[in-house]
């Protein structure tokens, strides 16, 4: 069982990783720059791998992790989703 600080860190790290994946997916869809697309793919792969490892650790430590972005995080990302150009 994890202490409260460890659990909060794990939840925050998972939320951040999910946000990075979503923003990278957005960049991948919208950018025509090959370097940006390459970087976005690397970010998606890295954060997906890290998220999987964190889920394993959290399961062993009995920490529940978020499975979706919080409303606050979604609201912060909305301007990027709405942007064009």
Protein backbone atom coordinates (compact mmCIF):
# COMPACT_ATOMS: atom_id res chain seq x y z
CA UNK A 1 0.00 0.00 0.00
CA UNK A 2 1.30 3.46 -0.92
CA UNK A 3 1.31 6.55 1.21
CA UNK A 4 -0.79 9.58 0.26
CA UNK A 5 2.11 11.47 -1.31
CA UNK A 6 3.06 8.52 -3.53
CA UNK A 7 -0.57 8.07 -4.58
CA UNK A 8 -0.96 11.76 -5.44
CA UNK A 9 2.29 11.71 -7.44
CA UNK A 10 1.14 8.65 -9.39
CA UNK A 11 -2.26 10.20 -10.17
CA UNK A 12 -0.66 13.50 -11.24
CA UNK A 13 1.92 11.71 -13.40
CA UNK A 14 -0.79 9.64 -15.08
CA UNK A 15 -2.90 12.72 -15.77
CA UNK A 16 0.10 14.56 -17.21
CA UNK A 17 1.00 11.61 -19.41
CA UNK A 18 -2.53 11.34 -20.77
CA UNK A 19 -2.50 15.06 -21.55
CA UNK A 20 0.84 14.75 -23.36
CA UNK A 21 -0.55 11.89 -25.44
CA UNK A 22 -3.67 13.84 -26.40
CA UNK A 23 -1.70 16.96 -27.30
CA UNK A 24 0.74 14.88 -29.34
CA UNK A 25 -2.13 13.20 -31.16
CA UNK A 26 -3.50 16.64 -31.95
CA UNK A 27 -0.10 17.76 -33.29
CA UNK A 28 0.14 14.60 -35.37
CA UNK A 29 -3.27 15.24 -36.94
CA UNK A 30 -2.79 18.93 -37.61
CA UNK A 31 0.87 19.43 -38.43
CA UNK A 32 2.33 18.99 -41.88
CA UNK A 33 5.86 19.44 -40.54
CA UNK A 34 7.64 16.10 -40.64
CA UNK A 35 9.83 16.87 -37.62
CA UNK A 36 6.79 17.84 -35.54
CA UNK A 37 5.03 14.63 -36.56
CA UNK A 38 8.11 12.58 -35.70
CA UNK A 39 8.38 14.24 -32.29
CA UNK A 40 4.66 13.71 -31.65
CA UNK A 41 4.98 9.99 -32.45
CA UNK A 42 7.92 9.71 -30.04
CA UNK A 43 5.96 11.52 -27.31
CA UNK A 44 2.98 9.20 -27.80
CA UNK A 45 5.18 6.09 -27.65
CA UNK A 46 7.16 7.28 -24.62
CA UNK A 47 4.14 8.39 -22.60
CA UNK A 48 2.17 5.27 -23.51
CA UNK A 49 5.05 3.10 -22.30
CA UNK A 50 5.46 5.15 -19.12
CA UNK A 51 1.72 4.99 -18.45
CA UNK A 52 1.75 1.20 -18.78
CA UNK A 53 4.64 0.93 -16.34
CA UNK A 54 2.92 3.30 -13.91
CA UNK A 55 -0.28 1.23 -14.08
CA UNK A 56 1.65 -1.90 -13.08
CA UNK A 57 3.28 -0.14 -10.14
CA UNK A 58 -0.01 1.44 -9.08
CA UNK A 59 -1.75 -1.94 -9.14
CA UNK A 60 0.93 -3.42 -6.86
CA UNK A 61 0.66 -0.45 -4.50
CA UNK A 62 -3.16 -0.40 -4.65
CA UNK A 63 -3.29 3.11 -6.12
CA UNK A 64 -6.26 3.98 -8.32
CA UNK A 65 -5.26 6.01 -11.35
CA UNK A 66 -7.38 8.27 -13.54
CA UNK A 67 -8.54 6.82 -16.84
CA UNK A 68 -9.55 10.13 -18.41
CA UNK A 69 -8.49 13.74 -18.25
CA UNK A 70 -10.02 15.81 -15.48
CA UNK A 71 -12.49 18.52 -16.50
CA UNK A 72 -9.87 21.11 -15.47
CA UNK A 73 -7.24 19.54 -17.72
CA UNK A 74 -9.73 19.33 -20.59
CA UNK A 75 -10.56 22.99 -20.13
CA UNK A 76 -6.86 23.92 -20.21
CA UNK A 77 -6.41 21.99 -23.46
CA UNK A 78 -9.51 23.36 -25.17
CA UNK A 79 -7.77 26.44 -26.68
CA UNK A 80 -5.29 24.11 -28.43
CA UNK A 81 -8.13 21.97 -29.73
CA UNK A 82 -9.97 25.05 -31.01
CA UNK A 83 -6.89 26.68 -32.58
CA UNK A 84 -6.23 26.55 -36.28
CA UNK A 85 -3.47 27.67 -38.53
